[in-house]
Amino acid sequence: MTLIYKILSRAEWDAAKAQGRFEGSAVDLADGFIHLSAGEQAQETAAKWFRGQANLVLLAVEAEPLGEDLKWEASRGGARFPHLYRPLLVSEVTREADLDLDADGVPQLGDHLA
């Protein structure tokens, strides 16, 4: 089982739970897929894209059941990141965790990563 992760705002996640699916954040919608991160990429993603943002949630999702809709594609520094080419169903999220910011405003994923 390979866990992959999505960081998003609490408001986005609450709206997704009400609809049963997450269509994507603004950047996801603009790019045509949902940006996700592998475990070893998630903390760097948090620091690069979410610094200073409060009320964030980390979602964990099993990669394998996403099937062919999940593609591992070259991105930051040539590393292959998981990209989901369809909405993420709320039922596919295995766990969620609220994130705290450190003194520099970086969301801390720490114990939330498997």
PDB file of N, CA and C in Angstrom:
ATOM      1  N   MET A   1       0.842  -1.178   0.000  1.00  0.00           N
ATOM      2  CA  MET A   1       0.000   0.000   0.000  1.00  0.00           C
ATOM      3  C   MET A   1       0.887   1.242   0.000  1.00  0.00           C
ATOM      4  N   THR A   2       0.677   2.106  -0.959  1.00  0.00           N
ATOM      5  CA  THR A   2       1.410   3.362  -1.073  1.00  0.00           C
ATOM      6  C   THR A   2       0.472   4.497  -0.701  1.00  0.00           C
ATOM      7  N   LEU A   3       0.821   5.229   0.353  1.00  0.00           N
ATOM      8  CA  LEU A   3       0.022   6.387   0.735  1.00  0.00           C
ATOM      9  C   LEU A   3       0.546   7.623   0.021  1.00  0.00           C
ATOM     10  N   ILE A   4      -0.378   8.410  -0.493  1.00  0.00           N
ATOM     11  CA  ILE A   4      -0.068   9.709  -1.076  1.00  0.00           C
ATOM     12  C   ILE A   4      -0.899  10.747  -0.344  1.00  0.00           C
ATOM     13  N   TYR A   5      -0.523  12.022  -0.481  1.00  0.00           N
ATOM     14  CA  TYR A   5      -1.089  13.049   0.376  1.00  0.00           C
ATOM     15  C   TYR A   5      -1.542  14.274  -0.408  1.00  0.00           C
ATOM     16  N   LYS A   6      -2.575  14.910   0.130  1.00  0.00           N
ATOM     17  CA  LYS A   6      -3.080  16.177  -0.397  1.00  0.00           C
ATOM     18  C   LYS A   6      -3.181  17.160   0.751  1.00  0.00           C
ATOM     19  N   ILE A   7      -2.665  18.360   0.550  1.00  0.00           N
ATOM     20  CA  ILE A   7      -2.809  19.451   1.513  1.00  0.00           C
ATOM     21  C   ILE A   7      -3.816  20.424   0.924  1.00  0.00           C
ATOM     22  N   LEU A   8      -4.780  20.815   1.732  1.00  0.00           N
ATOM     23  CA  LEU A   8      -5.804  21.758   1.282  1.00  0.00           C
ATOM     24  C   LEU A   8      -6.364  22.496   2.485  1.00  0.00           C
ATOM     25  N   SER A   9      -7.148  23.507   2.220  1.00  0.00           N
ATOM     26  CA  SER A   9      -7.726  24.283   3.320  1.00  0.00           C
ATOM     27  C   SER A   9      -8.872  23.511   3.970  1.00  0.00           C
ATOM     28  N   ARG A  10      -9.126  23.826   5.213  1.00  0.00           N
ATOM     29  CA  ARG A  10     -10.256  23.216   5.931  1.00  0.00           C
ATOM     30  C   ARG A  10     -11.563  23.532   5.198  1.00  0.00           C
ATOM     31  N   ALA A  11     -11.713  24.757   4.690  1.00  0.00           N
ATOM     32  CA  ALA A  11     -12.935  25.136   3.975  1.00  0.00           C
ATOM     33  C   ALA A  11     -13.118  24.290   2.718  1.00  0.00           C
ATOM     34  N   GLU A  12     -12.035  24.059   1.971  1.00  0.00           N
ATOM     35  CA  GLU A  12     -12.132  23.213   0.777  1.00  0.00           C
ATOM     36  C   GLU A  12     -12.529  21.787   1.138  1.00  0.00           C
ATOM     37  N   TRP A  13     -11.939  21.267   2.209  1.00  0.00           N
ATOM     38  CA  TRP A  13     -12.237  19.899   2.614  1.00  0.00           C
ATOM     39  C   TRP A  13     -13.668  19.777   3.136  1.00  0.00           C
ATOM     40  N   ASP A  14     -14.115  20.727   3.901  1.00  0.00           N
ATOM     41  CA  ASP A  14     -15.497  20.690   4.396  1.00  0.00           C
ATOM     42  C   ASP A  14     -16.486  20.727   3.232  1.00  0.00           C
ATOM     43  N   ALA A  15     -16.208  21.555   2.217  1.00  0.00           N
ATOM     44  CA  ALA A  15     -17.078  21.620   1.041  1.00  0.00           C
ATOM     45  C   ALA A  15     -17.053  20.294   0.283  1.00  0.00           C
ATOM     46  N   ALA A  16     -15.876  19.693   0.167  1.00  0.00           N
ATOM     47  CA  ALA A  16     -15.758  18.403  -0.517  1.00  0.00           C
ATOM     48  C   ALA A  16     -16.536  17.319   0.217  1.00  0.00           C
ATOM     49  N   LYS A  17     -16.451  17.320   1.531  1.00  0.00           N
ATOM     50  CA  LYS A  17     -17.190  16.309   2.308  1.00  0.00           C
ATOM     51  C   LYS A  17     -18.692  16.465   2.102  1.00  0.00           C
ATOM     52  N   ALA A  18     -19.157  17.692   1.978  1.00  0.00           N
ATOM     53  CA  ALA A  18     -20.587  17.925   1.755  1.00  0.00           C
ATOM     54  C   ALA A  18     -21.017  17.429   0.372  1.00  0.00           C
ATOM     55  N   GLN A  19     -20.114  17.468  -0.600  1.00  0.00           N
ATOM     56  CA  GLN A  19     -20.422  17.038  -1.965  1.00  0.00           C
ATOM     57  C   GLN A  19     -20.066  15.579  -2.231  1.00  0.00           C
ATOM     58  N   GLY A  20     -19.241  15.009  -1.355  1.00  0.00           N
ATOM     59  CA  GLY A  20     -18.804  13.632  -1.549  1.00  0.00           C
ATOM     60  C   GLY A  20     -17.580  13.490  -2.427  1.00  0.00           C
ATOM     61  N   ARG A  21     -17.043  14.629  -2.902  1.00  0.00           N
ATOM     62  CA  ARG A  21     -15.865  14.575  -3.764  1.00  0.00           C
ATOM     63  C   ARG A  21     -15.131  15.924  -3.711  1.00  0.00           C
ATOM     64  N   PHE A  22     -13.838  15.862  -3.983  1.00  0.00           N
ATOM     65  CA  PHE A  22     -13.004  17.054  -4.062  1.00  0.00           C
ATOM     66  C   PHE A  22     -12.624  17.249  -5.522  1.00  0.00           C
ATOM     67  N   GLU A  23     -13.100  18.348  -6.085  1.00  0.00           N
ATOM     68  CA  GLU A  23     -12.845  18.646  -7.500  1.00  0.00           C
ATOM     69  C   GLU A  23     -11.453  19.234  -7.711  1.00  0.00           C
ATOM     70  N   GLY A  24     -10.879  19.823  -6.669  1.00  0.00           N
ATOM     71  CA  GLY A  24      -9.548  20.398  -6.761  1.00  0.00           C
ATOM     72  C   GLY A  24      -9.494  21.818  -6.251  1.00  0.00           C
ATOM     73  N   SER A  25      -8.312  22.221  -5.827  1.00  0.00           N
ATOM     74  CA  SER A  25      -8.039  23.603  -5.454  1.00  0.00           C
ATOM     75  C   SER A  25      -7.861  24.407  -6.740  1.00  0.00           C
ATOM     76  N   ALA A  26      -7.701  25.705  -6.619  1.00  0.00           N
ATOM     77  CA  ALA A  26      -7.565  26.566  -7.801  1.00  0.00           C
ATOM     78  C   ALA A  26      -6.432  26.102  -8.716  1.00  0.00           C
ATOM     79  N   VAL A  27      -5.279  25.777  -8.158  1.00  0.00           N
ATOM     80  CA  VAL A  27      -4.147  25.336  -8.985  1.00  0.00           C
ATOM     81  C   VAL A  27      -4.449  23.994  -9.650  1.00  0.00           C
ATOM     82  N   ASP A  28      -5.161  23.109  -8.958  1.00  0.00           N
ATOM     83  CA  ASP A  28      -5.536  21.820  -9.544  1.00  0.00           C
ATOM     84  C   ASP A  28      -6.450  22.034 -10.748  1.00  0.00           C
ATOM     85  N   LEU A  29      -7.445  22.879 -10.566  1.00  0.00           N
ATOM     86  CA  LEU A  29      -8.397  23.148 -11.642  1.00  0.00           C
ATOM     87  C   LEU A  29      -7.696  23.784 -12.841  1.00  0.00           C
ATOM     88  N   ALA A  30      -6.762  24.682 -12.561  1.00  0.00           N
ATOM     89  CA  ALA A  30      -6.026  25.340 -13.643  1.00  0.00           C
ATOM     90  C   ALA A  30      -5.141  24.350 -14.407  1.00  0.00           C
ATOM     91  N   ASP A  31      -4.557  23.389 -13.696  1.00  0.00           N
ATOM     92  CA  ASP A  31      -3.634  22.435 -14.322  1.00  0.00           C
ATOM     93  C   ASP A  31      -4.329  21.208 -14.896  1.00  0.00           C
ATOM     94  N   GLY A  32      -5.584  20.976 -14.522  1.00  0.00           N
ATOM     95  CA  GLY A  32      -6.329  19.856 -15.074  1.00  0.00           C
ATOM     96  C   GLY A  32      -6.166  18.548 -14.340  1.00  0.00           C
ATOM     97  N   PHE A  33      -5.579  18.587 -13.156  1.00  0.00           N
ATOM     98  CA  PHE A  33      -5.430  17.390 -12.324  1.00  0.00           C
ATOM     99  C   PHE A  33      -5.234  17.811 -10.873  1.00  0.00           C
ATOM    100  N   ILE A  34      -5.441  16.873  -9.963  1.00  0.00           N
ATOM    101  CA  ILE A  34      -5.250  17.140  -8.545  1.00  0.00           C
ATOM    102  C   ILE A  34      -3.803  16.823  -8.181  1.00  0.00           C
ATOM    103  N   HIS A  35      -3.106  17.823  -7.684  1.00  0.00           N
ATOM    104  CA  HIS A  35      -1.722  17.667  -7.241  1.00  0.00           C
ATOM    105  C   HIS A  35      -1.697  16.913  -5.922  1.00  0.00           C
ATOM    106  N   LEU A  36      -0.903  15.863  -5.864  1.00  0.00           N
ATOM    107  CA  LEU A  36      -0.698  15.089  -4.647  1.00  0.00           C
ATOM    108  C   LEU A  36       0.803  14.956  -4.429  1.00  0.00           C
ATOM    109  N   SER A  37       1.189  14.446  -3.274  1.00  0.00           N
ATOM    110  CA  SER A  37       2.601  14.237  -2.972  1.00  0.00           C
ATOM    111  C   SER A  37       2.797  12.865  -2.347  1.00  0.00           C
ATOM    112  N   ALA A  38       3.936  12.253  -2.650  1.00  0.00           N
ATOM    113  CA  ALA A  38       4.343  11.043  -1.952  1.00  0.00           C
ATOM    114  C   ALA A  38       4.801  11.455  -0.554  1.00  0.00           C
ATOM    115  N   GLY A  39       4.928  10.491   0.326  1.00  0.00           N
ATOM    116  CA  GLY A  39       5.312  10.789   1.704  1.00  0.00           C
ATOM    117  C   GLY A  39       6.592  11.585   1.823  1.00  0.00           C
ATOM    118  N   GLU A  40       7.607  11.218   1.037  1.00  0.00           N
ATOM    119  CA  GLU A  40       8.899  11.904   1.115  1.00  0.00           C
ATOM    120  C   GLU A  40       8.870  13.283   0.467  1.00  0.00           C
ATOM    121  N   GLN A  41       7.805  13.627  -0.243  1.00  0.00           N
ATOM    122  CA  GLN A  41       7.679  14.923  -0.907  1.00  0.00           C
ATOM    123  C   GLN A  41       6.775  15.895  -0.157  1.00  0.00           C
ATOM    124  N   ALA A  42       5.938  15.372   0.714  1.00  0.00           N
ATOM    125  CA  ALA A  42       4.849  16.162   1.299  1.00  0.00           C
ATOM    126  C   ALA A  42       5.328  17.336   2.153  1.00  0.00           C
ATOM    127  N   GLN A  43       6.355  17.140   2.984  1.00  0.00           N
ATOM    128  CA  GLN A  43       6.801  18.243   3.835  1.00  0.00           C
ATOM    129  C   GLN A  43       7.381  19.375   3.002  1.00  0.00           C
ATOM    130  N   GLU A  44       8.131  19.045   1.952  1.00  0.00           N
ATOM    131  CA  GLU A  44       8.676  20.080   1.067  1.00  0.00           C
ATOM    132  C   GLU A  44       7.549  20.824   0.346  1.00  0.00           C
ATOM    133  N   THR A  45       6.521  20.088  -0.068  1.00  0.00           N
ATOM    134  CA  THR A  45       5.354  20.714  -0.694  1.00  0.00           C
ATOM    135  C   THR A  45       4.704  21.697   0.274  1.00  0.00           C
ATOM    136  N   ALA A  46       4.558  21.279   1.534  1.00  0.00           N
ATOM    137  CA  ALA A  46       3.954  22.149   2.553  1.00  0.00           C
ATOM    138  C   ALA A  46       4.758  23.432   2.711  1.00  0.00           C
ATOM    139  N   ALA A  47       6.089  23.318   2.762  1.00  0.00           N
ATOM    140  CA  ALA A  47       6.948  24.490   2.948  1.00  0.00           C
ATOM    141  C   ALA A  47       6.925  25.403   1.724  1.00  0.00           C
ATOM    142  N   LYS A  48       6.915  24.819   0.534  1.00  0.00           N
ATOM    143  CA  LYS A  48       6.995  25.615  -0.703  1.00  0.00           C
ATOM    144  C   LYS A  48       5.685  26.311  -1.041  1.00  0.00           C
ATOM    145  N   TRP A  49       4.552  25.626  -0.862  1.00  0.00           N
ATOM    146  CA  TRP A  49       3.284  26.145  -1.361  1.00  0.00           C
ATOM    147  C   TRP A  49       2.294  26.589  -0.285  1.00  0.00           C
ATOM    148  N   PHE A  50       2.507  26.208   0.980  1.00  0.00           N
ATOM    149  CA  PHE A  50       1.495  26.474   2.001  1.00  0.00           C
ATOM    150  C   PHE A  50       2.010  27.268   3.196  1.00  0.00           C
ATOM    151  N   ARG A  51       3.217  27.772   3.129  1.00  0.00           N
ATOM    152  CA  ARG A  51       3.794  28.572   4.224  1.00  0.00           C
ATOM    153  C   ARG A  51       2.868  29.737   4.553  1.00  0.00           C
ATOM    154  N   GLY A  52       2.608  29.931   5.836  1.00  0.00           N
ATOM    155  CA  GLY A  52       1.814  31.056   6.306  1.00  0.00           C
ATOM    156  C   GLY A  52       0.316  30.863   6.203  1.00  0.00           C
ATOM    157  N   GLN A  53      -0.125  29.722   5.724  1.00  0.00           N
ATOM    158  CA  GLN A  53      -1.561  29.471   5.589  1.00  0.00           C
ATOM    159  C   GLN A  53      -2.053  28.639   6.775  1.00  0.00           C
ATOM    160  N   ALA A  54      -3.003  29.175   7.486  1.00  0.00           N
ATOM    161  CA  ALA A  54      -3.584  28.470   8.633  1.00  0.00           C
ATOM    162  C   ALA A  54      -4.781  27.647   8.170  1.00  0.00           C
ATOM    163  N   ASN A  55      -5.287  26.825   9.085  1.00  0.00           N
ATOM    164  CA  ASN A  55      -6.488  26.013   8.830  1.00  0.00           C
ATOM    165  C   ASN A  55      -6.318  25.077   7.644  1.00  0.00           C
ATOM    166  N   LEU A  56      -5.195  24.363   7.640  1.00  0.00           N
ATOM    167  CA  LEU A  56      -4.923  23.391   6.591  1.00  0.00           C
ATOM    168  C   LEU A  56      -5.206  21.974   7.076  1.00  0.00           C
ATOM    169  N   VAL A  57      -5.503  21.110   6.121  1.00  0.00           N
ATOM    170  CA  VAL A  57      -5.787  19.706   6.392  1.00  0.00           C
ATOM    171  C   VAL A  57      -4.877  18.865   5.508  1.00  0.00           C
ATOM    172  N   LEU A  58      -4.381  17.769   6.053  1.00  0.00           N
ATOM    173  CA  LEU A  58      -3.621  16.793   5.294  1.00  0.00           C
ATOM    174  C   LEU A  58      -4.500  15.563   5.102  1.00  0.00           C
ATOM    175  N   LEU A  59      -4.680  15.156   3.845  1.00  0.00           N
ATOM    176  CA  LEU A  59      -5.439  13.953   3.523  1.00  0.00           C
ATOM    177  C   LEU A  59      -4.472  12.853   3.117  1.00  0.00           C
ATOM    178  N   ALA A  60      -4.742  11.637   3.557  1.00  0.00           N
ATOM    179  CA  ALA A  60      -3.983  10.467   3.133  1.00  0.00           C
ATOM    180  C   ALA A  60      -4.892   9.607   2.257  1.00  0.00           C
ATOM    181  N   VAL A  61      -4.333   9.116   1.163  1.00  0.00           N
ATOM    182  CA  VAL A  61      -5.082   8.332   0.181  1.00  0.00           C
ATOM    183  C   VAL A  61      -4.208   7.164  -0.260  1.00  0.00           C
ATOM    184  N   GLU A  62      -4.789   5.989  -0.396  1.00  0.00           N
ATOM    185  CA  GLU A  62      -4.064   4.853  -0.947  1.00  0.00           C
ATOM    186  C   GLU A  62      -3.969   5.023  -2.459  1.00  0.00           C
ATOM    187  N   ALA A  63      -2.762   4.918  -2.991  1.00  0.00           N
ATOM    188  CA  ALA A  63      -2.542   5.174  -4.415  1.00  0.00           C
ATOM    189  C   ALA A  63      -3.116   4.076  -5.313  1.00  0.00           C
ATOM    190  N   GLU A  64      -2.904   2.829  -4.970  1.00  0.00           N
ATOM    191  CA  GLU A  64      -3.236   1.731  -5.873  1.00  0.00           C
ATOM    192  C   GLU A  64      -4.700   1.685  -6.301  1.00  0.00           C
ATOM    193  N   PRO A  65      -5.674   1.882  -5.407  1.00  0.00           N
ATOM    194  CA  PRO A  65      -7.078   1.829  -5.840  1.00  0.00           C
ATOM    195  C   PRO A  65      -7.480   2.937  -6.824  1.00  0.00           C
ATOM    196  N   LEU A  66      -6.661   3.979  -6.971  1.00  0.00           N
ATOM    197  CA  LEU A  66      -6.981   5.062  -7.902  1.00  0.00           C
ATOM    198  C   LEU A  66      -6.776   4.639  -9.358  1.00  0.00           C
ATOM    199  N   GLY A  67      -6.062   3.545  -9.541  1.00  0.00           N
ATOM    200  CA  GLY A  67      -5.902   2.963 -10.867  1.00  0.00           C
ATOM    201  C   GLY A  67      -5.244   3.879 -11.872  1.00  0.00           C
ATOM    202  N   GLU A  68      -5.721   3.794 -13.109  1.00  0.00           N
ATOM    203  CA  GLU A  68      -5.109   4.527 -14.215  1.00  0.00           C
ATOM    204  C   GLU A  68      -5.370   6.031 -14.173  1.00  0.00           C
ATOM    205  N   ASP A  69      -6.261   6.466 -13.302  1.00  0.00           N
ATOM    206  CA  ASP A  69      -6.521   7.901 -13.166  1.00  0.00           C
ATOM    207  C   ASP A  69      -5.386   8.616 -12.432  1.00  0.00           C
ATOM    208  N   LEU A  70      -4.520   7.839 -11.770  1.00  0.00           N
ATOM    209  CA  LEU A  70      -3.370   8.395 -11.061  1.00  0.00           C
ATOM    210  C   LEU A  70      -2.133   8.196 -11.931  1.00  0.00           C
ATOM    211  N   LYS A  71      -1.454   9.288 -12.220  1.00  0.00           N
ATOM    212  CA  LYS A  71      -0.250   9.222 -13.034  1.00  0.00           C
ATOM    213  C   LYS A  71       0.902   9.853 -12.257  1.00  0.00           C
ATOM    214  N   TRP A  72       2.055   9.186 -12.279  1.00  0.00           N
ATOM    215  CA  TRP A  72       3.262   9.703 -11.643  1.00  0.00           C
ATOM    216  C   TRP A  72       4.047  10.434 -12.721  1.00  0.00           C
ATOM    217  N   GLU A  73       4.118  11.767 -12.584  1.00  0.00           N
ATOM    218  CA  GLU A  73       4.712  12.587 -13.632  1.00  0.00           C
ATOM    219  C   GLU A  73       5.819  13.479 -13.082  1.00  0.00           C
ATOM    220  N   ALA A  74       6.805  13.735 -13.934  1.00  0.00           N
ATOM    221  CA  ALA A  74       7.933  14.582 -13.547  1.00  0.00           C
ATOM    222  C   ALA A  74       7.443  15.987 -13.228  1.00  0.00           C
ATOM    223  N   SER A  75       7.959  16.531 -12.143  1.00  0.00           N
ATOM    224  CA  SER A  75       7.586  17.871 -11.710  1.00  0.00           C
ATOM    225  C   SER A  75       8.810  18.521 -11.095  1.00  0.00           C
ATOM    226  N   ARG A  76       8.664  19.056  -9.891  1.00  0.00           N
ATOM    227  CA  ARG A  76       9.722  19.794  -9.203  1.00  0.00           C
ATOM    228  C   ARG A  76      11.052  19.019  -9.197  1.00  0.00           C
ATOM    229  N   GLY A  77      12.068  19.591  -9.816  1.00  0.00           N
ATOM    230  CA  GLY A  77      13.389  18.981  -9.813  1.00  0.00           C
ATOM    231  C   GLY A  77      13.450  17.647 -10.545  1.00  0.00           C
ATOM    232  N   GLY A  78      12.481  17.370 -11.393  1.00  0.00           N
ATOM    233  CA  GLY A  78      12.454  16.107 -12.118  1.00  0.00           C
ATOM    234  C   GLY A  78      11.852  14.959 -11.338  1.00  0.00           C
ATOM    235  N   ALA A  79      11.517  15.195 -10.068  1.00  0.00           N
ATOM    236  CA  ALA A  79      10.903  14.137  -9.252  1.00  0.00           C
ATOM    237  C   ALA A  79       9.516  13.807  -9.794  1.00  0.00           C
ATOM    238  N   ARG A  80       9.138  12.553  -9.671  1.00  0.00           N
ATOM    239  CA  ARG A  80       7.825  12.117 -10.152  1.00  0.00           C
ATOM    240  C   ARG A  80       6.811  12.283  -9.019  1.00  0.00           C
ATOM    241  N   PHE A  81       5.777  13.079  -9.307  1.00  0.00           N
ATOM    242  CA  PHE A  81       4.715  13.350  -8.342  1.00  0.00           C
ATOM    243  C   PHE A  81       3.425  12.680  -8.795  1.00  0.00           C
ATOM    244  N   PRO A  82       2.579  12.277  -7.845  1.00  0.00           N
ATOM    245  CA  PRO A  82       1.288  11.696  -8.210  1.00  0.00           C
ATOM    246  C   PRO A  82       0.278  12.783  -8.574  1.00  0.00           C
ATOM    247  N   HIS A  83      -0.346  12.611  -9.735  1.00  0.00           N
ATOM    248  CA  HIS A  83      -1.367  13.542 -10.231  1.00  0.00           C
ATOM    249  C   HIS A  83      -2.629  12.745 -10.518  1.00  0.00           C
ATOM    250  N   LEU A  84      -3.741  13.176  -9.945  1.00  0.00           N
ATOM    251  CA  LEU A  84      -5.015  12.482 -10.118  1.00  0.00           C
ATOM    252  C   LEU A  84      -5.851  13.221 -11.159  1.00  0.00           C
ATOM    253  N   TYR A  85      -6.210  12.511 -12.217  1.00  0.00           N
ATOM    254  CA  TYR A  85      -6.941  13.102 -13.336  1.00  0.00           C
ATOM    255  C   TYR A  85      -8.438  12.850 -13.235  1.00  0.00           C
ATOM    256  N   ARG A  86      -8.977  13.112 -12.090  1.00  0.00           N
ATOM    257  CA  ARG A  86     -10.419  13.051 -11.829  1.00  0.00           C
ATOM    258  C   ARG A  86     -10.627  13.566 -10.421  1.00  0.00           C
ATOM    259  N   PRO A  87     -11.885  13.825 -10.037  1.00  0.00           N
ATOM    260  CA  PRO A  87     -12.121  14.241  -8.648  1.00  0.00           C
ATOM    261  C   PRO A  87     -11.705  13.149  -7.666  1.00  0.00           C
ATOM    262  N   LEU A  88     -11.293  13.561  -6.496  1.00  0.00           N
ATOM    263  CA  LEU A  88     -10.976  12.644  -5.404  1.00  0.00           C
ATOM    264  C   LEU A  88     -12.247  12.421  -4.599  1.00  0.00           C
ATOM    265  N   LEU A  89     -12.656  11.190  -4.481  1.00  0.00           N
ATOM    266  CA  LEU A  89     -13.859  10.886  -3.703  1.00  0.00           C
ATOM    267  C   LEU A  89     -13.535  10.923  -2.219  1.00  0.00           C
ATOM    268  N   VAL A  90     -14.436  11.470  -1.445  1.00  0.00           N
ATOM    269  CA  VAL A  90     -14.246  11.532   0.009  1.00  0.00           C
ATOM    270  C   VAL A  90     -14.041  10.125   0.564  1.00  0.00           C
ATOM    271  N   SER A  91     -14.730   9.153   0.002  1.00  0.00           N
ATOM    272  CA  SER A  91     -14.619   7.768   0.463  1.00  0.00           C
ATOM    273  C   SER A  91     -13.228   7.171   0.224  1.00  0.00           C
ATOM    274  N   GLU A  92     -12.427   7.801  -0.645  1.00  0.00           N
ATOM    275  CA  GLU A  92     -11.072   7.301  -0.927  1.00  0.00           C
ATOM    276  C   GLU A  92     -10.038   7.819   0.070  1.00  0.00           C
ATOM    277  N   VAL A  93     -10.407   8.770   0.901  1.00  0.00           N
ATOM    278  CA  VAL A  93      -9.489   9.330   1.894  1.00  0.00           C
ATOM    279  C   VAL A  93      -9.452   8.404   3.099  1.00  0.00           C
ATOM    280  N   THR A  94      -8.253   7.921   3.435  1.00  0.00           N
ATOM    281  CA  THR A  94      -8.134   6.979   4.545  1.00  0.00           C
ATOM    282  C   THR A  94      -8.021   7.678   5.897  1.00  0.00           C
ATOM    283  N   ARG A  95      -7.497   8.917   5.882  1.00  0.00           N
ATOM    284  CA  ARG A  95      -7.478   9.705   7.120  1.00  0.00           C
ATOM    285  C   ARG A  95      -7.223  11.164   6.801  1.00  0.00           C
ATOM    286  N   GLU A  96      -7.601  12.004   7.744  1.00  0.00           N
ATOM    287  CA  GLU A  96      -7.384  13.446   7.626  1.00  0.00           C
ATOM    288  C   GLU A  96      -6.810  13.951   8.927  1.00  0.00           C
ATOM    289  N   ALA A  97      -6.009  15.001   8.835  1.00  0.00           N
ATOM    290  CA  ALA A  97      -5.399  15.582  10.034  1.00  0.00           C
ATOM    291  C   ALA A  97      -5.271  17.084   9.855  1.00  0.00           C
ATOM    292  N   ASP A  98      -5.636  17.828  10.889  1.00  0.00           N
ATOM    293  CA  ASP A  98      -5.424  19.271  10.893  1.00  0.00           C
ATOM    294  C   ASP A  98      -3.930  19.528  11.100  1.00  0.00           C
ATOM    295  N   LEU A  99      -3.412  20.536  10.412  1.00  0.00           N
ATOM    296  CA  LEU A  99      -1.984  20.836  10.478  1.00  0.00           C
ATOM    297  C   LEU A  99      -1.709  22.082  11.296  1.00  0.00           C
ATOM    298  N   ASP A 100      -0.642  22.018  12.067  1.00  0.00           N
ATOM    299  CA  ASP A 100      -0.158  23.170  12.823  1.00  0.00           C
ATOM    300  C   ASP A 100       0.996  23.803  12.061  1.00  0.00           C
ATOM    301  N   LEU A 101       1.198  25.099  12.274  1.00  0.00           N
ATOM    302  CA  LEU A 101       2.309  25.815  11.670  1.00  0.00           C
ATOM    303  C   LEU A 101       3.439  25.948  12.681  1.00  0.00           C
ATOM    304  N   ASP A 102       4.685  25.863  12.195  1.00  0.00           N
ATOM    305  CA  ASP A 102       5.809  26.100  13.095  1.00  0.00           C
ATOM    306  C   ASP A 102       6.045  27.614  13.207  1.00  0.00           C
ATOM    307  N   ALA A 103       7.105  28.011  13.902  1.00  0.00           N
ATOM    308  CA  ALA A 103       7.386  29.435  14.141  1.00  0.00           C
ATOM    309  C   ALA A 103       7.614  30.210  12.845  1.00  0.00           C
ATOM    310  N   ASP A 104       8.016  29.509  11.775  1.00  0.00           N
ATOM    311  CA  ASP A 104       8.245  30.146  10.481  1.00  0.00           C
ATOM    312  C   ASP A 104       7.010  30.090   9.578  1.00  0.00           C
ATOM    313  N   GLY A 105       5.896  29.574  10.119  1.00  0.00           N
ATOM    314  CA  GLY A 105       4.664  29.504   9.335  1.00  0.00           C
ATOM    315  C   GLY A 105       4.567  28.307   8.412  1.00  0.00           C
ATOM    316  N   VAL A 106       5.454  27.316   8.589  1.00  0.00           N
ATOM    317  CA  VAL A 106       5.441  26.129   7.733  1.00  0.00           C
ATOM    318  C   VAL A 106       4.550  25.065   8.347  1.00  0.00           C
ATOM    319  N   PRO A 107       3.596  24.538   7.597  1.00  0.00           N
ATOM    320  CA  PRO A 107       2.759  23.452   8.116  1.00  0.00           C
ATOM    321  C   PRO A 107       3.627  22.244   8.460  1.00  0.00           C
ATOM    322  N   GLN A 108       3.372  21.669   9.611  1.00  0.00           N
ATOM    323  CA  GLN A 108       4.154  20.524  10.079  1.00  0.00           C
ATOM    324  C   GLN A 108       3.368  19.220   9.903  1.00  0.00           C
ATOM    325  N   LEU A 109       3.899  18.342   9.042  1.00  0.00           N
ATOM    326  CA  LEU A 109       3.229  17.095   8.741  1.00  0.00           C
ATOM    327  C   LEU A 109       3.676  15.967   9.681  1.00  0.00           C
ATOM    328  N   GLY A 110       4.940  15.974  10.043  1.00  0.00           N
ATOM    329  CA  GLY A 110       5.540  15.042  10.999  1.00  0.00           C
ATOM    330  C   GLY A 110       4.847  13.721  11.213  1.00  0.00           C
ATOM    331  N   ASP A 111       4.172  13.591  12.348  1.00  0.00           N
ATOM    332  CA  ASP A 111       3.545  12.332  12.761  1.00  0.00           C
ATOM    333  C   ASP A 111       2.357  11.941  11.881  1.00  0.00           C
ATOM    334  N   HIS A 112       1.900  12.823  11.021  1.00  0.00           N
ATOM    335  CA  HIS A 112       0.741  12.515  10.183  1.00  0.00           C
ATOM    336  C   HIS A 112       1.109  11.703   8.939  1.00  0.00           C
ATOM    337  N   LEU A 113       2.415  11.616   8.653  1.00  0.00           N
ATOM    338  CA  LEU A 113       2.878  10.836   7.506  1.00  0.00           C
ATOM    339  C   LEU A 113       3.160   9.421   7.954  1.00  0.00           C
ATOM    340  N   ALA A 114       2.752   8.446   7.140  1.00  0.00           N
ATOM    341  CA  ALA A 114       3.001   7.042   7.495  1.00  0.00           C
ATOM    342  C   ALA A 114       4.326   6.583   6.947  1.00  0.00           C
TER     343      ALA A 114
END
